[in-house]
N, C-alpha and C. Protein backbone atom coordinates (compact mmCIF):
# COMPACT_ATOMS: atom_id res chain seq x y z
N LEU A 1 0.81 -1.20 0.01
CA LEU A 1 0.00 0.02 0.00
C LEU A 1 0.85 1.28 0.01
N ILE A 2 1.94 1.22 0.78
CA ILE A 2 2.84 2.39 0.83
C ILE A 2 3.43 2.67 -0.56
N ILE A 3 3.92 1.61 -1.19
CA ILE A 3 4.52 1.77 -2.51
C ILE A 3 3.51 2.24 -3.50
N ALA A 4 2.31 1.65 -3.53
CA ALA A 4 1.27 2.04 -4.51
C ALA A 4 0.93 3.50 -4.25
N ARG A 5 0.77 3.92 -3.03
CA ARG A 5 0.38 5.27 -2.73
C ARG A 5 1.52 6.23 -3.18
N SER A 6 2.78 5.84 -2.89
CA SER A 6 3.90 6.70 -3.22
C SER A 6 3.98 6.88 -4.72
N GLN A 7 3.67 5.83 -5.49
CA GLN A 7 3.78 5.96 -6.94
C GLN A 7 2.64 6.83 -7.48
N ALA A 8 1.47 6.79 -6.82
CA ALA A 8 0.35 7.59 -7.25
C ALA A 8 0.47 9.04 -6.90
N VAL A 9 0.86 9.33 -5.65
CA VAL A 9 0.90 10.71 -5.20
C VAL A 9 2.24 11.10 -4.61
N GLY A 10 3.16 10.20 -4.49
CA GLY A 10 4.50 10.47 -3.89
C GLY A 10 4.42 10.27 -2.38
N LEU A 11 5.48 9.71 -1.83
CA LEU A 11 5.58 9.59 -0.39
C LEU A 11 5.66 10.99 0.25
N LYS A 12 5.01 11.17 1.37
CA LYS A 12 5.11 12.47 2.03
C LYS A 12 6.54 12.58 2.59
N PHE A 13 7.28 13.54 2.16
CA PHE A 13 8.69 13.71 2.50
C PHE A 13 8.81 14.99 3.32
N THR A 14 9.11 14.86 4.60
CA THR A 14 9.17 15.99 5.48
C THR A 14 10.55 16.00 6.17
N PRO A 15 11.53 16.59 5.47
CA PRO A 15 12.89 16.60 6.09
C PRO A 15 13.01 17.54 7.27
N GLU A 16 13.81 17.14 8.22
CA GLU A 16 14.11 17.96 9.37
C GLU A 16 15.54 17.64 9.81
N PRO A 17 16.16 18.49 10.60
CA PRO A 17 17.52 18.15 11.10
C PRO A 17 17.44 16.96 12.02
N LEU A 18 18.36 15.98 11.77
CA LEU A 18 18.42 14.78 12.61
C LEU A 18 19.78 14.65 13.21
N ASP A 19 19.87 14.33 14.46
CA ASP A 19 21.16 14.00 15.11
C ASP A 19 21.39 12.54 14.80
N VAL A 20 22.33 12.26 13.91
CA VAL A 20 22.48 10.98 13.26
C VAL A 20 22.67 9.79 14.21
N GLU A 21 23.69 9.86 15.04
CA GLU A 21 23.96 8.69 15.90
C GLU A 21 22.78 8.32 16.82
N PRO A 22 22.27 9.28 17.61
CA PRO A 22 21.14 8.86 18.48
C PRO A 22 19.94 8.38 17.69
N PHE A 23 19.67 9.00 16.51
CA PHE A 23 18.48 8.60 15.76
C PHE A 23 18.65 7.13 15.28
N PHE A 24 19.75 6.83 14.57
CA PHE A 24 19.90 5.46 14.07
C PHE A 24 20.11 4.43 15.19
N ARG A 25 20.76 4.84 16.25
CA ARG A 25 20.93 3.89 17.38
C ARG A 25 19.55 3.56 18.00
N GLN A 26 18.69 4.56 18.09
CA GLN A 26 17.36 4.33 18.61
C GLN A 26 16.53 3.43 17.71
N VAL A 27 16.62 3.63 16.40
CA VAL A 27 15.88 2.80 15.45
C VAL A 27 16.31 1.34 15.61
N VAL A 28 17.65 1.11 15.69
CA VAL A 28 18.19 -0.24 15.85
C VAL A 28 17.68 -0.83 17.17
N GLN A 29 17.76 -0.06 18.25
CA GLN A 29 17.35 -0.55 19.56
C GLN A 29 15.85 -0.91 19.56
N GLU A 30 15.03 -0.05 18.97
CA GLU A 30 13.57 -0.32 18.90
C GLU A 30 13.30 -1.60 18.12
N PHE A 31 14.01 -1.75 17.00
CA PHE A 31 13.84 -2.96 16.19
C PHE A 31 14.18 -4.19 17.01
N TRP A 32 15.34 -4.14 17.73
CA TRP A 32 15.80 -5.31 18.46
C TRP A 32 14.85 -5.64 19.62
N GLU A 33 14.25 -4.60 20.23
CA GLU A 33 13.31 -4.89 21.33
C GLU A 33 11.99 -5.45 20.81
N MET A 34 11.60 -5.05 19.61
CA MET A 34 10.32 -5.48 19.08
C MET A 34 10.42 -6.82 18.38
N TYR A 35 11.51 -7.06 17.71
CA TYR A 35 11.66 -8.29 16.88
C TYR A 35 12.33 -9.35 17.77
N GLU A 36 11.61 -10.38 18.10
CA GLU A 36 12.17 -11.42 18.94
C GLU A 36 13.06 -12.29 18.07
N THR A 37 14.35 -12.28 18.34
CA THR A 37 15.32 -12.99 17.54
C THR A 37 16.48 -13.47 18.36
N SER A 38 17.12 -14.53 17.93
CA SER A 38 18.31 -15.00 18.57
C SER A 38 19.59 -14.43 17.97
N HIS A 39 19.43 -13.53 16.97
CA HIS A 39 20.54 -12.92 16.31
C HIS A 39 21.24 -11.96 17.25
N GLU A 40 22.51 -11.82 17.03
CA GLU A 40 23.32 -10.80 17.77
C GLU A 40 23.35 -9.52 16.97
N LEU A 41 23.55 -8.40 17.62
CA LEU A 41 23.69 -7.13 16.97
C LEU A 41 25.01 -6.54 17.27
N ASP A 42 25.70 -6.05 16.25
CA ASP A 42 26.94 -5.33 16.40
C ASP A 42 26.79 -3.97 15.78
N PHE A 43 26.65 -2.94 16.60
CA PHE A 43 26.48 -1.55 16.14
C PHE A 43 27.75 -0.80 16.38
N GLN A 44 28.34 -0.26 15.30
CA GLN A 44 29.63 0.45 15.39
C GLN A 44 29.46 1.86 14.80
N LEU A 45 30.21 2.79 15.35
CA LEU A 45 30.24 4.17 14.88
C LEU A 45 31.68 4.51 14.47
N ALA A 46 31.81 5.06 13.27
CA ALA A 46 33.15 5.53 12.80
C ALA A 46 33.03 6.94 12.39
N GLY A 47 33.93 7.81 12.79
CA GLY A 47 33.87 9.21 12.44
C GLY A 47 32.83 9.96 13.25
N ALA A 48 32.73 11.22 12.97
CA ALA A 48 31.77 12.09 13.65
C ALA A 48 30.42 11.98 12.92
N ALA A 49 29.43 11.44 13.59
CA ALA A 49 28.14 11.21 12.92
C ALA A 49 27.46 12.54 12.63
N GLY A 50 27.44 13.47 13.51
CA GLY A 50 26.90 14.80 13.24
C GLY A 50 25.41 14.76 12.98
N SER A 51 24.98 15.61 12.02
CA SER A 51 23.56 15.71 11.72
C SER A 51 23.34 15.64 10.18
N LEU A 52 22.11 15.44 9.82
CA LEU A 52 21.72 15.51 8.38
C LEU A 52 20.25 15.91 8.32
N MET A 53 19.86 16.36 7.14
CA MET A 53 18.45 16.67 6.88
C MET A 53 17.83 15.40 6.36
N GLY A 54 16.79 14.96 7.07
CA GLY A 54 16.12 13.73 6.62
C GLY A 54 14.72 13.61 7.22
N ASP A 55 13.96 12.76 6.62
CA ASP A 55 12.62 12.47 7.12
C ASP A 55 12.72 11.31 8.10
N SER A 56 12.56 11.57 9.37
CA SER A 56 12.77 10.52 10.38
C SER A 56 11.79 9.36 10.21
N ARG A 57 10.58 9.61 9.84
CA ARG A 57 9.61 8.48 9.64
C ARG A 57 10.07 7.56 8.49
N LEU A 58 10.47 8.13 7.40
CA LEU A 58 10.90 7.31 6.25
C LEU A 58 12.22 6.62 6.52
N LEU A 59 13.16 7.32 7.17
CA LEU A 59 14.46 6.70 7.45
C LEU A 59 14.29 5.58 8.47
N HIS A 60 13.39 5.75 9.39
CA HIS A 60 13.07 4.68 10.37
C HIS A 60 12.57 3.41 9.60
N ARG A 61 11.66 3.64 8.68
CA ARG A 61 11.09 2.50 7.90
C ARG A 61 12.19 1.87 7.04
N MET A 62 13.08 2.68 6.48
CA MET A 62 14.15 2.19 5.62
C MET A 62 15.05 1.26 6.39
N LEU A 63 15.57 1.70 7.55
CA LEU A 63 16.46 0.92 8.36
C LEU A 63 15.73 -0.31 8.91
N GLY A 64 14.49 -0.13 9.32
CA GLY A 64 13.72 -1.31 9.76
C GLY A 64 13.63 -2.40 8.72
N ASN A 65 13.43 -2.03 7.45
CA ASN A 65 13.37 -3.02 6.40
C ASN A 65 14.69 -3.71 6.20
N LEU A 66 15.78 -2.94 6.24
CA LEU A 66 17.14 -3.52 6.05
C LEU A 66 17.42 -4.50 7.19
N LEU A 67 17.06 -4.13 8.43
CA LEU A 67 17.32 -4.99 9.57
C LEU A 67 16.45 -6.23 9.52
N SER A 68 15.21 -6.03 9.13
CA SER A 68 14.29 -7.17 9.02
C SER A 68 14.78 -8.22 8.02
N ASN A 69 15.25 -7.74 6.87
CA ASN A 69 15.82 -8.64 5.85
C ASN A 69 17.08 -9.36 6.37
N ALA A 70 17.90 -8.59 7.07
CA ALA A 70 19.14 -9.19 7.60
C ALA A 70 18.83 -10.35 8.53
N VAL A 71 17.81 -10.17 9.36
CA VAL A 71 17.42 -11.22 10.32
C VAL A 71 16.71 -12.37 9.55
N LYS A 72 15.81 -12.01 8.66
CA LYS A 72 14.98 -13.01 7.96
C LYS A 72 15.80 -13.95 7.14
N TYR A 73 16.86 -13.45 6.49
CA TYR A 73 17.62 -14.26 5.55
C TYR A 73 18.93 -14.82 6.13
N SER A 74 19.09 -14.72 7.46
CA SER A 74 20.30 -15.21 8.15
C SER A 74 19.92 -16.32 9.10
N PRO A 75 20.88 -17.22 9.32
CA PRO A 75 20.59 -18.33 10.23
C PRO A 75 20.46 -17.78 11.69
N PRO A 76 19.74 -18.52 12.54
CA PRO A 76 19.64 -18.14 13.96
C PRO A 76 21.02 -18.06 14.58
N ASP A 77 21.13 -17.16 15.55
CA ASP A 77 22.37 -16.94 16.29
C ASP A 77 23.50 -16.30 15.52
N SER A 78 23.23 -15.87 14.30
CA SER A 78 24.27 -15.15 13.55
C SER A 78 24.23 -13.67 13.96
N THR A 79 25.16 -12.91 13.43
CA THR A 79 25.28 -11.50 13.81
C THR A 79 24.88 -10.56 12.69
N VAL A 80 24.14 -9.56 12.99
CA VAL A 80 23.83 -8.48 12.08
C VAL A 80 24.74 -7.27 12.47
N HIS A 81 25.54 -6.82 11.51
CA HIS A 81 26.47 -5.72 11.75
C HIS A 81 25.92 -4.48 11.15
N VAL A 82 25.87 -3.41 11.97
CA VAL A 82 25.45 -2.09 11.51
C VAL A 82 26.63 -1.13 11.77
N LEU A 83 27.07 -0.53 10.67
CA LEU A 83 28.19 0.44 10.77
C LEU A 83 27.69 1.77 10.29
N LEU A 84 27.79 2.81 11.16
CA LEU A 84 27.42 4.14 10.88
C LEU A 84 28.68 4.97 10.74
N THR A 85 28.92 5.56 9.59
CA THR A 85 30.16 6.28 9.34
C THR A 85 29.82 7.72 8.98
N GLY A 86 30.35 8.66 9.79
CA GLY A 86 30.17 10.06 9.48
C GLY A 86 31.33 10.54 8.63
N GLU A 87 31.00 11.15 7.53
CA GLU A 87 31.99 11.74 6.60
C GLU A 87 31.66 13.22 6.48
N PRO A 88 32.56 14.06 5.98
CA PRO A 88 32.27 15.50 5.96
C PRO A 88 31.00 15.90 5.27
N GLU A 89 30.68 15.32 4.10
CA GLU A 89 29.52 15.70 3.31
C GLU A 89 28.38 14.70 3.33
N GLN A 90 28.59 13.56 3.95
CA GLN A 90 27.56 12.52 3.91
C GLN A 90 27.71 11.56 5.10
N VAL A 91 26.68 10.73 5.23
CA VAL A 91 26.62 9.73 6.25
C VAL A 91 26.46 8.39 5.55
N ARG A 92 27.23 7.42 5.96
CA ARG A 92 27.19 6.11 5.35
C ARG A 92 26.68 5.12 6.40
N LEU A 93 25.62 4.36 6.05
CA LEU A 93 25.01 3.40 6.94
C LEU A 93 25.08 2.04 6.24
N SER A 94 25.80 1.10 6.84
CA SER A 94 25.92 -0.29 6.28
C SER A 94 25.29 -1.28 7.19
N VAL A 95 24.49 -2.16 6.61
CA VAL A 95 23.88 -3.30 7.29
C VAL A 95 24.42 -4.59 6.63
N GLN A 96 25.12 -5.40 7.45
CA GLN A 96 25.70 -6.63 6.91
C GLN A 96 25.12 -7.77 7.66
N ASP A 97 24.67 -8.79 6.88
CA ASP A 97 24.19 -10.00 7.52
C ASP A 97 25.12 -11.17 7.25
N GLU A 98 24.81 -12.29 7.82
CA GLU A 98 25.61 -13.54 7.62
C GLU A 98 24.69 -14.57 6.98
N GLY A 99 23.88 -14.12 6.04
CA GLY A 99 22.81 -14.95 5.51
C GLY A 99 23.16 -15.62 4.18
N ILE A 100 22.08 -15.86 3.43
CA ILE A 100 22.16 -16.62 2.16
C ILE A 100 22.83 -15.84 1.02
N GLY A 101 22.92 -14.52 1.18
CA GLY A 101 23.50 -13.71 0.08
C GLY A 101 22.54 -13.51 -1.04
N ILE A 102 22.98 -12.67 -1.99
CA ILE A 102 22.15 -12.39 -3.15
C ILE A 102 22.98 -12.82 -4.36
N LEU A 103 22.37 -13.65 -5.18
CA LEU A 103 23.08 -14.15 -6.39
C LEU A 103 23.42 -12.96 -7.28
N PRO A 104 24.58 -13.05 -7.94
CA PRO A 104 25.02 -11.90 -8.80
C PRO A 104 23.97 -11.56 -9.86
N GLU A 105 23.33 -12.58 -10.43
CA GLU A 105 22.33 -12.27 -11.48
C GLU A 105 21.10 -11.61 -10.91
N ASP A 106 20.85 -11.72 -9.63
CA ASP A 106 19.64 -11.09 -9.01
C ASP A 106 19.90 -9.68 -8.52
N ARG A 107 21.13 -9.30 -8.30
CA ARG A 107 21.46 -7.99 -7.71
C ARG A 107 20.85 -6.80 -8.47
N PRO A 108 20.87 -6.82 -9.84
CA PRO A 108 20.29 -5.65 -10.53
C PRO A 108 18.80 -5.49 -10.32
N HIS A 109 18.13 -6.53 -9.82
CA HIS A 109 16.66 -6.53 -9.73
C HIS A 109 16.12 -6.40 -8.29
N VAL A 110 16.95 -6.42 -7.28
CA VAL A 110 16.45 -6.45 -5.91
C VAL A 110 15.62 -5.28 -5.48
N PHE A 111 15.75 -4.16 -6.17
CA PHE A 111 14.97 -2.96 -5.80
C PHE A 111 13.69 -2.83 -6.60
N GLU A 112 13.41 -3.82 -7.49
CA GLU A 112 12.18 -3.79 -8.26
C GLU A 112 11.03 -4.32 -7.38
N MET A 113 9.86 -3.67 -7.57
CA MET A 113 8.68 -4.13 -6.81
C MET A 113 8.39 -5.58 -7.09
N PHE A 114 8.08 -6.35 -6.06
CA PHE A 114 7.67 -7.72 -6.11
C PHE A 114 8.77 -8.70 -6.52
N PHE A 115 9.98 -8.24 -6.69
CA PHE A 115 11.06 -9.14 -7.09
C PHE A 115 11.49 -9.97 -5.86
N ARG A 116 11.64 -11.25 -6.05
CA ARG A 116 12.12 -12.17 -5.02
C ARG A 116 13.28 -12.94 -5.63
N ALA A 117 14.39 -12.92 -4.96
CA ALA A 117 15.60 -13.62 -5.48
C ALA A 117 15.35 -15.12 -5.60
N ALA A 118 16.07 -15.70 -6.48
CA ALA A 118 15.91 -17.17 -6.77
C ALA A 118 16.24 -18.06 -5.59
N ASN A 119 17.12 -17.59 -4.72
CA ASN A 119 17.58 -18.44 -3.60
C ASN A 119 16.88 -18.24 -2.28
N VAL A 120 15.69 -17.56 -2.24
CA VAL A 120 15.03 -17.30 -0.98
C VAL A 120 14.35 -18.53 -0.41
N GLY A 121 14.12 -19.53 -1.25
CA GLY A 121 13.53 -20.75 -0.73
C GLY A 121 12.13 -20.50 -0.17
N SER A 122 11.87 -20.98 1.03
CA SER A 122 10.57 -20.86 1.66
C SER A 122 10.45 -19.65 2.60
N VAL A 123 11.45 -18.79 2.58
CA VAL A 123 11.35 -17.60 3.44
C VAL A 123 10.29 -16.71 2.87
N SER A 124 9.31 -16.30 3.74
CA SER A 124 8.18 -15.51 3.26
C SER A 124 8.58 -14.07 3.01
N GLY A 125 7.79 -13.44 2.15
CA GLY A 125 8.04 -12.02 1.83
C GLY A 125 7.22 -11.62 0.63
N THR A 126 7.12 -10.30 0.42
CA THR A 126 6.32 -9.82 -0.71
C THR A 126 7.15 -9.23 -1.84
N GLY A 127 8.40 -8.96 -1.56
CA GLY A 127 9.25 -8.33 -2.58
C GLY A 127 9.04 -6.84 -2.68
N LEU A 128 8.52 -6.24 -1.58
CA LEU A 128 8.26 -4.81 -1.56
C LEU A 128 9.23 -4.05 -0.68
N GLY A 129 9.83 -4.69 0.33
CA GLY A 129 10.68 -4.00 1.25
C GLY A 129 11.81 -3.25 0.66
N LEU A 130 12.56 -3.88 -0.22
CA LEU A 130 13.75 -3.19 -0.81
C LEU A 130 13.36 -2.12 -1.81
N SER A 131 12.18 -2.28 -2.45
CA SER A 131 11.73 -1.19 -3.34
C SER A 131 11.39 0.06 -2.52
N LEU A 132 10.83 -0.14 -1.33
CA LEU A 132 10.58 1.02 -0.43
C LEU A 132 11.88 1.60 0.05
N VAL A 133 12.86 0.76 0.42
CA VAL A 133 14.18 1.25 0.85
C VAL A 133 14.77 2.15 -0.27
N LYS A 134 14.76 1.68 -1.48
CA LYS A 134 15.28 2.42 -2.60
C LYS A 134 14.54 3.77 -2.78
N GLU A 135 13.24 3.74 -2.66
CA GLU A 135 12.50 5.00 -2.82
C GLU A 135 12.84 6.00 -1.73
N VAL A 136 12.99 5.53 -0.49
CA VAL A 136 13.40 6.42 0.59
C VAL A 136 14.80 7.00 0.36
N VAL A 137 15.69 6.17 -0.09
CA VAL A 137 17.07 6.66 -0.38
C VAL A 137 16.98 7.69 -1.49
N ASP A 138 16.25 7.44 -2.53
CA ASP A 138 16.09 8.42 -3.63
C ASP A 138 15.50 9.73 -3.18
N LEU A 139 14.50 9.68 -2.33
CA LEU A 139 13.89 10.91 -1.79
C LEU A 139 14.91 11.76 -1.04
N HIS A 140 15.90 11.09 -0.43
CA HIS A 140 16.92 11.79 0.31
C HIS A 140 18.15 12.16 -0.55
N SER A 141 18.00 11.98 -1.86
CA SER A 141 19.11 12.23 -2.81
C SER A 141 20.33 11.41 -2.47
N GLY A 142 20.10 10.18 -1.98
CA GLY A 142 21.21 9.31 -1.56
C GLY A 142 21.44 8.24 -2.59
N GLN A 143 22.27 7.28 -2.17
CA GLN A 143 22.64 6.13 -3.00
C GLN A 143 22.58 4.87 -2.13
N ILE A 144 22.30 3.75 -2.80
CA ILE A 144 22.35 2.47 -2.07
C ILE A 144 23.13 1.50 -2.95
N ASP A 145 23.94 0.70 -2.27
CA ASP A 145 24.80 -0.23 -2.94
C ASP A 145 24.67 -1.63 -2.27
N ILE A 146 24.82 -2.67 -3.04
CA ILE A 146 24.81 -4.04 -2.55
C ILE A 146 26.12 -4.68 -2.84
N GLN A 147 26.76 -5.24 -1.82
CA GLN A 147 27.99 -5.99 -2.03
C GLN A 147 27.91 -7.34 -1.35
N PRO A 148 28.50 -8.33 -1.98
CA PRO A 148 28.56 -9.63 -1.26
C PRO A 148 29.57 -9.50 -0.12
N ALA A 149 29.29 -10.20 0.97
CA ALA A 149 30.21 -10.27 2.12
C ALA A 149 30.83 -11.65 2.08
N PRO A 150 31.86 -11.87 2.85
CA PRO A 150 32.42 -13.23 2.90
C PRO A 150 31.32 -14.28 3.19
N GLN A 151 30.38 -13.87 4.00
CA GLN A 151 29.19 -14.66 4.26
C GLN A 151 28.02 -13.70 4.35
N GLY A 152 27.10 -13.68 3.43
CA GLY A 152 25.97 -12.80 3.48
C GLY A 152 26.06 -11.62 2.52
N THR A 153 25.46 -10.53 2.88
CA THR A 153 25.32 -9.36 2.02
C THR A 153 25.51 -8.11 2.81
N ILE A 154 26.06 -7.07 2.18
CA ILE A 154 26.19 -5.79 2.81
C ILE A 154 25.38 -4.77 1.98
N PHE A 155 24.42 -4.14 2.60
CA PHE A 155 23.69 -3.02 2.01
C PHE A 155 24.27 -1.73 2.61
N THR A 156 24.71 -0.82 1.74
CA THR A 156 25.27 0.41 2.16
C THR A 156 24.44 1.58 1.61
N VAL A 157 23.93 2.40 2.50
CA VAL A 157 23.15 3.59 2.14
C VAL A 157 24.04 4.82 2.39
N VAL A 158 24.15 5.67 1.42
CA VAL A 158 24.89 6.93 1.56
C VAL A 158 23.89 8.05 1.45
N LEU A 159 23.86 8.87 2.50
CA LEU A 159 22.88 10.00 2.57
C LEU A 159 23.68 11.31 2.68
N PRO A 160 23.36 12.25 1.82
CA PRO A 160 24.04 13.54 1.96
C PRO A 160 23.57 14.25 3.22
N ARG A 161 24.46 15.04 3.82
CA ARG A 161 24.07 15.80 5.02
C ARG A 161 23.08 16.89 4.68
N ARG A 162 23.25 17.53 3.53
CA ARG A 162 22.36 18.58 3.08
C ARG A 162 21.60 18.13 1.81
N LEU A 163 20.33 18.48 1.76
CA LEU A 163 19.54 18.10 0.60
C LEU A 163 19.64 19.19 -0.47
N PRO A 164 19.46 18.82 -1.73
CA PRO A 164 19.41 19.81 -2.78
C PRO A 164 18.28 20.82 -2.49
N ALA A 165 18.43 22.03 -2.96
CA ALA A 165 17.46 23.10 -2.64
C ALA A 165 16.06 22.73 -2.98
N GLU A 166 15.81 21.99 -4.07
CA GLU A 166 14.44 21.65 -4.45
C GLU A 166 13.78 20.63 -3.51
N LYS A 167 14.53 20.05 -2.60
CA LYS A 167 13.94 19.06 -1.66
C LYS A 167 13.78 19.62 -0.27
N THR A 168 14.12 20.85 -0.03
CA THR A 168 13.97 21.43 1.31
C THR A 168 12.77 22.31 1.44
């Protein structure tokens, strides 16, 4: 419903100044308290997190989807790594799991609505979460990248600290 509405009328985008570290740390903590899982969490901060202009509601949903996928596609008792890196002009947020990974031929399609990778097996899902993540990243004039990890996948979101004039 969120995706359909956003395509019809656009997601409501209300940027405000956000204190990056406390905001993302709180989102991760809320997710971990709500989502009953045996997975471990490793949250690291590198550099000065500082602030950025962003829509807290949408960024919350974006990170929640990335964390949910990391847990859903990883074996029990594995670790989800979250790395928040402050850079002068941008903030980098990486979520790394120890799961099944994404096949190279599926990577170009993971942000398409309803796309489900060939190796998901019986893991339930709609194929909408990553398309929402991509839309939120685009609204923030950011970028998202997928890289294979030694075991699992790394999703890295890069968000500019300041939005272009037309988005403020």
